[in-house]
PDB file of N, CA and C in Angstrom:
ATOM      1  N   MET A   1      95.803 114.941  92.903  1.00  0.00           N
ATOM      2  CA  MET A   1      94.849 115.650  93.730  1.00  0.00           C
ATOM      3  C   MET A   1      95.080 115.262  95.186  1.00  0.00           C
ATOM      4  N   VAL A   2      95.075 116.231  96.056  1.00  0.00           N
ATOM      5  CA  VAL A   2      95.313 115.999  97.470  1.00  0.00           C
ATOM      6  C   VAL A   2      93.986 115.648  98.138  1.00  0.00           C
ATOM      7  N   ARG A   3      94.029 114.605  98.938  1.00  0.00           N
ATOM      8  CA  ARG A   3      92.803 114.198  99.634  1.00  0.00           C
ATOM      9  C   ARG A   3      92.674 114.966 100.940  1.00  0.00           C
ATOM     10  N   GLY A   4      91.443 115.015 101.452  1.00  0.00           N
ATOM     11  CA  GLY A   4      91.207 115.650 102.736  1.00  0.00           C
ATOM     12  C   GLY A   4      91.663 114.758 103.874  1.00  0.00           C
ATOM     13  N   LYS A   5      91.866 115.344 105.034  1.00  0.00           N
ATOM     14  CA  LYS A   5      92.275 114.572 106.214  1.00  0.00           C
ATOM     15  C   LYS A   5      91.041 114.048 106.934  1.00  0.00           C
ATOM     16  N   HIS A   6      91.191 112.861 107.502  1.00  0.00           N
ATOM     17  CA  HIS A   6      90.120 112.303 108.319  1.00  0.00           C
ATOM     18  C   HIS A   6      90.189 112.971 109.685  1.00  0.00           C
ATOM     19  N   THR A   7      89.051 113.201 110.315  1.00  0.00           N
ATOM     20  CA  THR A   7      89.010 113.921 111.589  1.00  0.00           C
ATOM     21  C   THR A   7      89.546 113.094 112.757  1.00  0.00           C
ATOM     22  N   LYS A   8      89.514 111.781 112.653  1.00  0.00           N
ATOM     23  CA  LYS A   8      90.011 110.909 113.723  1.00  0.00           C
ATOM     24  C   LYS A   8      91.463 110.545 113.434  1.00  0.00           C
ATOM     25  N   LYS A   9      92.360 110.854 114.377  1.00  0.00           N
ATOM     26  CA  LYS A   9      93.793 110.664 114.117  1.00  0.00           C
ATOM     27  C   LYS A   9      94.168 109.201 113.918  1.00  0.00           C
ATOM     28  N   GLU A  10      93.493 108.267 114.614  1.00  0.00           N
ATOM     29  CA  GLU A  10      93.811 106.850 114.441  1.00  0.00           C
ATOM     30  C   GLU A  10      93.520 106.398 113.011  1.00  0.00           C
ATOM     31  N   ILE A  11      92.393 106.856 112.485  1.00  0.00           N
ATOM     32  CA  ILE A  11      92.007 106.481 111.139  1.00  0.00           C
ATOM     33  C   ILE A  11      92.901 107.175 110.116  1.00  0.00           C
ATOM     34  N   GLU A  12      93.261 108.416 110.364  1.00  0.00           N
ATOM     35  CA  GLU A  12      94.176 109.129 109.461  1.00  0.00           C
ATOM     36  C   GLU A  12      95.523 108.406 109.397  1.00  0.00           C
ATOM     37  N   ASN A  13      95.999 107.908 110.538  1.00  0.00           N
ATOM     38  CA  ASN A  13      97.248 107.143 110.549  1.00  0.00           C
ATOM     39  C   ASN A  13      97.108 105.848 109.757  1.00  0.00           C
ATOM     40  N   ALA A  14      95.963 105.181 109.872  1.00  0.00           N
ATOM     41  CA  ALA A  14      95.721 103.951 109.110  1.00  0.00           C
ATOM     42  C   ALA A  14      95.642 104.253 107.611  1.00  0.00           C
ATOM     43  N   LEU A  15      95.076 105.387 107.234  1.00  0.00           N
ATOM     44  CA  LEU A  15      95.015 105.766 105.829  1.00  0.00           C
ATOM     45  C   LEU A  15      96.412 106.061 105.280  1.00  0.00           C
ATOM     46  N   ALA A  16      97.237 106.714 106.086  1.00  0.00           N
ATOM     47  CA  ALA A  16      98.621 106.970 105.676  1.00  0.00           C
ATOM     48  C   ALA A  16      99.373 105.648 105.517  1.00  0.00           C
ATOM     49  N   TYR A  17      99.106 104.692 106.404  1.00  0.00           N
ATOM     50  CA  TYR A  17      99.700 103.352 106.316  1.00  0.00           C
ATOM     51  C   TYR A  17      99.297 102.689 104.999  1.00  0.00           C
ATOM     52  N   ALA A  18      98.027 102.779 104.640  1.00  0.00           N
ATOM     53  CA  ALA A  18      97.546 102.195 103.387  1.00  0.00           C
ATOM     54  C   ALA A  18      98.228 102.863 102.192  1.00  0.00           C
ATOM     55  N   GLU A  19      98.371 104.172 102.228  1.00  0.00           N
ATOM     56  CA  GLU A  19      99.025 104.880 101.123  1.00  0.00           C
ATOM     57  C   GLU A  19     100.487 104.484 100.989  1.00  0.00           C
ATOM     58  N   ARG A  20     101.170 104.292 102.112  1.00  0.00           N
ATOM     59  CA  ARG A  20     102.572 103.857 102.067  1.00  0.00           C
ATOM     60  C   ARG A  20     102.714 102.490 101.407  1.00  0.00           C
ATOM     61  N   HIS A  21     101.676 101.671 101.491  1.00  0.00           N
ATOM     62  CA  HIS A  21     101.700 100.341 100.890  1.00  0.00           C
ATOM     63  C   HIS A  21     101.066 100.326  99.499  1.00  0.00           C
ATOM     64  N   GLY A  22     100.864 101.501  98.921  1.00  0.00           N
ATOM     65  CA  GLY A  22     100.407 101.601  97.544  1.00  0.00           C
ATOM     66  C   GLY A  22      98.904 101.661  97.344  1.00  0.00           C
ATOM     67  N   TRP A  23      98.132 101.611  98.418  1.00  0.00           N
ATOM     68  CA  TRP A  23      96.673 101.647  98.279  1.00  0.00           C
ATOM     69  C   TRP A  23      96.229 103.061  97.937  1.00  0.00           C
ATOM     70  N   ARG A  24      95.154 103.168  97.170  1.00  0.00           N
ATOM     71  CA  ARG A  24      94.585 104.466  96.795  1.00  0.00           C
ATOM     72  C   ARG A  24      93.510 104.837  97.817  1.00  0.00           C
ATOM     73  N   VAL A  25      93.592 106.039  98.344  1.00  0.00           N
ATOM     74  CA  VAL A  25      92.616 106.529  99.323  1.00  0.00           C
ATOM     75  C   VAL A  25      91.816 107.636  98.662  1.00  0.00           C
ATOM     76  N   GLN A  26      90.494 107.460  98.646  1.00  0.00           N
ATOM     77  CA  GLN A  26      89.602 108.457  98.058  1.00  0.00           C
ATOM     78  C   GLN A  26      88.663 108.974  99.138  1.00  0.00           C
ATOM     79  N   ASP A  27      88.598 110.277  99.298  1.00  0.00           N
ATOM     80  CA  ASP A  27      87.600 110.836 100.214  1.00  0.00           C
ATOM     81  C   ASP A  27      86.365 111.203  99.408  1.00  0.00           C
ATOM     82  N   GLY A  28      85.333 111.636 100.103  1.00  0.00           N
ATOM     83  CA  GLY A  28      84.104 112.033  99.421  1.00  0.00           C
ATOM     84  C   GLY A  28      83.104 110.904  99.273  1.00  0.00           C
ATOM     85  N   GLY A  29      82.925 110.132 100.330  1.00  0.00           N
ATOM     86  CA  GLY A  29      81.965 109.036 100.285  1.00  0.00           C
ATOM     87  C   GLY A  29      80.539 109.521 100.446  1.00  0.00           C
ATOM     88  N   LYS A  30      79.614 108.586 100.372  1.00  0.00           N
ATOM     89  CA  LYS A  30      78.197 108.904 100.525  1.00  0.00           C
ATOM     90  C   LYS A  30      77.684 108.305 101.826  1.00  0.00           C
ATOM     91  N   GLY A  31      76.727 108.952 102.430  1.00  0.00           N
ATOM     92  CA  GLY A  31      76.124 108.440 103.660  1.00  0.00           C
ATOM     93  C   GLY A  31      77.095 108.500 104.822  1.00  0.00           C
ATOM     94  N   HIS A  32      77.293 107.369 105.476  1.00  0.00           N
ATOM     95  CA  HIS A  32      78.175 107.314 106.641  1.00  0.00           C
ATOM     96  C   HIS A  32      79.637 107.123 106.261  1.00  0.00           C
ATOM     97  N   ALA A  33      79.896 106.893 105.001  1.00  0.00           N
ATOM     98  CA  ALA A  33      81.268 106.660 104.560  1.00  0.00           C
ATOM     99  C   ALA A  33      81.997 107.976 104.329  1.00  0.00           C
ATOM    100  N   TRP A  34      83.237 108.055 104.828  1.00  0.00           N
ATOM    101  CA  TRP A  34      84.112 109.198 104.571  1.00  0.00           C
ATOM    102  C   TRP A  34      84.733 109.064 103.191  1.00  0.00           C
ATOM    103  N   GLY A  35      85.003 107.817 102.813  1.00  0.00           N
ATOM    104  CA  GLY A  35      85.644 107.543 101.530  1.00  0.00           C
ATOM    105  C   GLY A  35      85.890 106.057 101.370  1.00  0.00           C
ATOM    106  N   LYS A  36      86.864 105.715 100.513  1.00  0.00           N
ATOM    107  CA  LYS A  36      87.190 104.316 100.241  1.00  0.00           C
ATOM    108  C   LYS A  36      88.687 104.147 100.116  1.00  0.00           C
ATOM    109  N   ILE A  37      89.149 102.918 100.383  1.00  0.00           N
ATOM    110  CA  ILE A  37      90.520 102.552 100.060  1.00  0.00           C
ATOM    111  C   ILE A  37      90.443 101.441  99.020  1.00  0.00           C
ATOM    112  N   SER A  38      91.345 101.495  98.050  1.00  0.00           N
ATOM    113  CA  SER A  38      91.345 100.529  96.948  1.00  0.00           C
ATOM    114  C   SER A  38      92.715  99.891  96.825  1.00  0.00           C
ATOM    115  N   CYS A  39      92.722  98.597  96.612  1.00  0.00           N
ATOM    116  CA  CYS A  39      93.943  97.821  96.441  1.00  0.00           C
ATOM    117  C   CYS A  39      94.639  98.218  95.145  1.00  0.00           C
ATOM    118  N   PRO A  40      95.970  98.335  95.151  1.00  0.00           N
ATOM    119  CA  PRO A  40      96.680  98.696  93.920  1.00  0.00           C
ATOM    120  C   PRO A  40      96.816  97.530  92.948  1.00  0.00           C
ATOM    121  N   TYR A  41      96.608  96.306  93.421  1.00  0.00           N
ATOM    122  CA  TYR A  41      96.772  95.129  92.579  1.00  0.00           C
ATOM    123  C   TYR A  41      95.438  94.784  91.931  1.00  0.00           C
ATOM    124  N   LYS A  42      95.395  94.760  90.647  1.00  0.00           N
ATOM    125  CA  LYS A  42      94.166  94.385  89.930  1.00  0.00           C
ATOM    126  C   LYS A  42      94.228  92.889  89.656  1.00  0.00           C
ATOM    127  N   ASP A  43      94.212  92.102  90.713  1.00  0.00           N
ATOM    128  CA  ASP A  43      94.401  90.662  90.607  1.00  0.00           C
ATOM    129  C   ASP A  43      93.076  89.944  90.860  1.00  0.00           C
ATOM    130  N   SER A  44      92.626  89.174  89.889  1.00  0.00           N
ATOM    131  CA  SER A  44      91.373  88.442  90.055  1.00  0.00           C
ATOM    132  C   SER A  44      91.505  87.315  91.075  1.00  0.00           C
ATOM    133  N   GLU A  45      92.731  86.892  91.370  1.00  0.00           N
ATOM    134  CA  GLU A  45      92.976  85.832  92.348  1.00  0.00           C
ATOM    135  C   GLU A  45      92.909  86.352  93.787  1.00  0.00           C
ATOM    136  N   CYS A  46      92.927  87.640  93.958  1.00  0.00           N
ATOM    137  CA  CYS A  46      92.986  88.252  95.290  1.00  0.00           C
ATOM    138  C   CYS A  46      91.633  88.135  95.994  1.00  0.00           C
ATOM    139  N   ARG A  47      91.387  86.990  96.585  1.00  0.00           N
ATOM    140  CA  ARG A  47      90.177  86.746  97.373  1.00  0.00           C
ATOM    141  C   ARG A  47      88.906  87.123  96.633  1.00  0.00           C
ATOM    142  N   CYS A  48      88.904  86.962  95.338  1.00  0.00           N
ATOM    143  CA  CYS A  48      87.732  87.271  94.499  1.00  0.00           C
ATOM    144  C   CYS A  48      87.277  88.717  94.655  1.00  0.00           C
ATOM    145  N   GLY A  49      88.196  89.599  94.984  1.00  0.00           N
ATOM    146  CA  GLY A  49      87.869  91.011  95.128  1.00  0.00           C
ATOM    147  C   GLY A  49      87.303  91.384  96.483  1.00  0.00           C
ATOM    148  N   GLU A  50      87.293  90.446  97.432  1.00  0.00           N
ATOM    149  CA  GLU A  50      86.677  90.709  98.736  1.00  0.00           C
ATOM    150  C   GLU A  50      87.359  91.850  99.476  1.00  0.00           C
ATOM    151  N   PHE A  51      88.683  91.911  99.424  1.00  0.00           N
ATOM    152  CA  PHE A  51      89.403  92.951 100.158  1.00  0.00           C
ATOM    153  C   PHE A  51      89.925  94.049  99.252  1.00  0.00           C
ATOM    154  N   CYS A  52      89.511  94.077  97.999  1.00  0.00           N
ATOM    155  CA  CYS A  52      90.066  95.042  97.061  1.00  0.00           C
ATOM    156  C   CYS A  52      89.564  96.469  97.297  1.00  0.00           C
ATOM    157  N   ILE A  53      88.368  96.615  97.799  1.00  0.00           N
ATOM    158  CA  ILE A  53      87.821  97.940  98.100  1.00  0.00           C
ATOM    159  C   ILE A  53      87.152  97.875  99.469  1.00  0.00           C
ATOM    160  N   SER A  54      87.398  98.886 100.279  1.00  0.00           N
ATOM    161  CA  SER A  54      86.755  98.935 101.587  1.00  0.00           C
ATOM    162  C   SER A  54      86.355 100.367 101.915  1.00  0.00           C
ATOM    163  N   SER A  55      85.239 100.515 102.585  1.00  0.00           N
ATOM    164  CA  SER A  55      84.759 101.843 102.982  1.00  0.00           C
ATOM    165  C   SER A  55      85.468 102.319 104.238  1.00  0.00           C
ATOM    166  N   VAL A  56      85.688 103.621 104.297  1.00  0.00           N
ATOM    167  CA  VAL A  56      86.248 104.273 105.480  1.00  0.00           C
ATOM    168  C   VAL A  56      85.113 105.078 106.091  1.00  0.00           C
ATOM    169  N   TRP A  57      84.737 104.735 107.318  1.00  0.00           N
ATOM    170  CA  TRP A  57      83.610 105.412 107.957  1.00  0.00           C
ATOM    171  C   TRP A  57      84.018 106.783 108.478  1.00  0.00           C
ATOM    172  N   SER A  58      83.101 107.714 108.423  1.00  0.00           N
ATOM    173  CA  SER A  58      83.396 109.075 108.880  1.00  0.00           C
ATOM    174  C   SER A  58      83.336 109.181 110.401  1.00  0.00           C
ATOM    175  N   THR A  59      82.365 108.532 111.022  1.00  0.00           N
ATOM    176  CA  THR A  59      82.223 108.606 112.483  1.00  0.00           C
ATOM    177  C   THR A  59      81.985 107.207 113.048  1.00  0.00           C
ATOM    178  N   PRO A  60      83.031 106.387 113.103  1.00  0.00           N
ATOM    179  CA  PRO A  60      82.841 105.038 113.653  1.00  0.00           C
ATOM    180  C   PRO A  60      82.622 105.097 115.158  1.00  0.00           C
ATOM    181  N   LYS A  61      81.955 104.086 115.687  1.00  0.00           N
ATOM    182  CA  LYS A  61      81.698 104.023 117.126  1.00  0.00           C
ATOM    183  C   LYS A  61      83.013 103.957 117.905  1.00  0.00           C
ATOM    184  N   ASN A  62      83.972 103.178 117.387  1.00  0.00           N
ATOM    185  CA  ASN A  62      85.278 103.056 118.016  1.00  0.00           C
ATOM    186  C   ASN A  62      86.348 103.284 116.940  1.00  0.00           C
ATOM    187  N   PRO A  63      86.929 104.489 116.872  1.00  0.00           N
ATOM    188  CA  PRO A  63      87.908 104.792 115.827  1.00  0.00           C
ATOM    189  C   PRO A  63      89.131 103.881 115.850  1.00  0.00           C
ATOM    190  N   GLY A  64      89.567 103.470 117.023  1.00  0.00           N
ATOM    191  CA  GLY A  64      90.729 102.583 117.131  1.00  0.00           C
ATOM    192  C   GLY A  64      90.475 101.239 116.479  1.00  0.00           C
ATOM    193  N   ASN A  65      89.290 100.672 116.717  1.00  0.00           N
ATOM    194  CA  ASN A  65      88.949  99.389 116.099  1.00  0.00           C
ATOM    195  C   ASN A  65      88.829  99.519 114.580  1.00  0.00           C
ATOM    196  N   HIS A  66      88.241 100.607 114.133  1.00  0.00           N
ATOM    197  CA  HIS A  66      88.093 100.798 112.688  1.00  0.00           C
ATOM    198  C   HIS A  66      89.471 100.971 112.031  1.00  0.00           C
ATOM    199  N   ALA A  67      90.371 101.689 112.692  1.00  0.00           N
ATOM    200  CA  ALA A  67      91.727 101.868 112.163  1.00  0.00           C
ATOM    201  C   ALA A  67      92.454 100.523 112.082  1.00  0.00           C
ATOM    202  N   ARG A  68      92.310  99.682 113.111  1.00  0.00           N
ATOM    203  CA  ARG A  68      92.925  98.346 113.080  1.00  0.00           C
ATOM    204  C   ARG A  68      92.338  97.505 111.958  1.00  0.00           C
ATOM    205  N   HIS A  69      91.042  97.640 111.743  1.00  0.00           N
ATOM    206  CA  HIS A  69      90.377  96.913 110.671  1.00  0.00           C
ATOM    207  C   HIS A  69      90.947  97.319 109.303  1.00  0.00           C
ATOM    208  N   LEU A  70      91.160  98.612 109.092  1.00  0.00           N
ATOM    209  CA  LEU A  70      91.711  99.083 107.823  1.00  0.00           C
ATOM    210  C   LEU A  70      93.140  98.578 107.621  1.00  0.00           C
ATOM    211  N   ARG A  71      93.950  98.594 108.674  1.00  0.00           N
ATOM    212  CA  ARG A  71      95.320  98.071 108.572  1.00  0.00           C
ATOM    213  C   ARG A  71      95.314  96.573 108.275  1.00  0.00           C
ATOM    214  N   ARG A  72      94.379  95.859 108.883  1.00  0.00           N
ATOM    215  CA  ARG A  72      94.263  94.415 108.652  1.00  0.00           C
ATOM    216  C   ARG A  72      93.923  94.124 107.193  1.00  0.00           C
ATOM    217  N   ILE A  73      93.068  94.931 106.608  1.00  0.00           N
ATOM    218  CA  ILE A  73      92.712  94.769 105.201  1.00  0.00           C
ATOM    219  C   ILE A  73      93.958  94.931 104.330  1.00  0.00           C
ATOM    220  N   VAL A  74      94.755  95.957 104.608  1.00  0.00           N
ATOM    221  CA  VAL A  74      95.987  96.182 103.844  1.00  0.00           C
ATOM    222  C   VAL A  74      96.954  95.017 104.045  1.00  0.00           C
ATOM    223  N   ASP A  75      97.131  94.584 105.290  1.00  0.00           N
ATOM    224  CA  ASP A  75      98.077  93.513 105.590  1.00  0.00           C
ATOM    225  C   ASP A  75      97.647  92.160 105.049  1.00  0.00           C
ATOM    226  N   ASN A  76      96.342  91.911 104.947  1.00  0.00           N
ATOM    227  CA  ASN A  76      95.845  90.608 104.516  1.00  0.00           C
ATOM    228  C   ASN A  76      95.604  90.510 103.021  1.00  0.00           C
ATOM    229  N   CYS A  77      95.996  91.509 102.277  1.00  0.00           N
ATOM    230  CA  CYS A  77      95.863  91.442 100.823  1.00  0.00           C
ATOM    231  C   CYS A  77      96.724  90.277 100.335  1.00  0.00           C
ATOM    232  N   THR A  78      96.122  89.296  99.699  1.00  0.00           N
ATOM    233  CA  THR A  78      96.851  88.084  99.313  1.00  0.00           C
ATOM    234  C   THR A  78      97.935  88.373  98.277  1.00  0.00           C
ATOM    235  N   THR A  79      97.700  89.273  97.354  1.00  0.00           N
ATOM    236  CA  THR A  79      98.711  89.598  96.351  1.00  0.00           C
ATOM    237  C   THR A  79      99.903  90.282  96.998  1.00  0.00           C
ATOM    238  N   ARG A  80      99.655  91.180  97.946  1.00  0.00           N
ATOM    239  CA  ARG A  80     100.742  91.868  98.650  1.00  0.00           C
ATOM    240  C   ARG A  80     101.557  90.878  99.458  1.00  0.00           C
ATOM    241  N   ARG A  81     100.891  89.953 100.148  1.00  0.00           N
ATOM    242  CA  ARG A  81     101.611  88.971 100.957  1.00  0.00           C
ATOM    243  C   ARG A  81     102.486  88.085 100.084  1.00  0.00           C
ATOM    244  N   GLN A  82     102.028  87.730  98.898  1.00  0.00           N
ATOM    245  CA  GLN A  82     102.843  86.913  98.004  1.00  0.00           C
ATOM    246  C   GLN A  82     104.055  87.669  97.509  1.00  0.00           C
ATOM    247  N   SER A  83     103.912  88.954  97.215  1.00  0.00           N
ATOM    248  CA  SER A  83     105.043  89.734  96.730  1.00  0.00           C
ATOM    249  C   SER A  83     106.064  89.999  97.834  1.00  0.00           C
ATOM    250  N   VAL A  84     105.602  90.110  99.088  1.00  0.00           N
ATOM    251  CA  VAL A  84     106.508  90.319 100.213  1.00  0.00           C
ATOM    252  C   VAL A  84     107.320  89.046 100.472  1.00  0.00           C
ATOM    253  N   ARG A  85     106.716  87.889 100.323  1.00  0.00           N
ATOM    254  CA  ARG A  85     107.397  86.616 100.554  1.00  0.00           C
ATOM    255  C   ARG A  85     108.500  86.359  99.536  1.00  0.00           C
ATOM    256  N   LYS A  86     108.349  86.853  98.316  1.00  0.00           N
ATOM    257  CA  LYS A  86     109.325  86.598  97.273  1.00  0.00           C
ATOM    258  C   LYS A  86     110.671  87.226  97.570  1.00  0.00           C
ATOM    259  N   TYR A  87     110.693  88.304  98.346  1.00  0.00           N
ATOM    260  CA  TYR A  87     111.949  89.024  98.585  1.00  0.00           C
ATOM    261  C   TYR A  87     112.563  88.659  99.886  1.00  0.00           C
TER     262      TYR A  87
END
């Protein structure tokens, strides 16, 4: 199923970045959320699930900061960092 595009280009670029790294992007959130991003690794060791799911806001106050925050979540995934170090 094809997801909808986010209206803010910075956030859309961050969502594409997450998808390139294997994260699942779901649109259709409730309230202020546009959707969610979910970690592809089902690892119980991954920060106790703290970074495994994150909301994507539909109208953040600063889209650039929110986009950086989403990229940071993808980059700081402990399971991903361990797999990158192995190679």
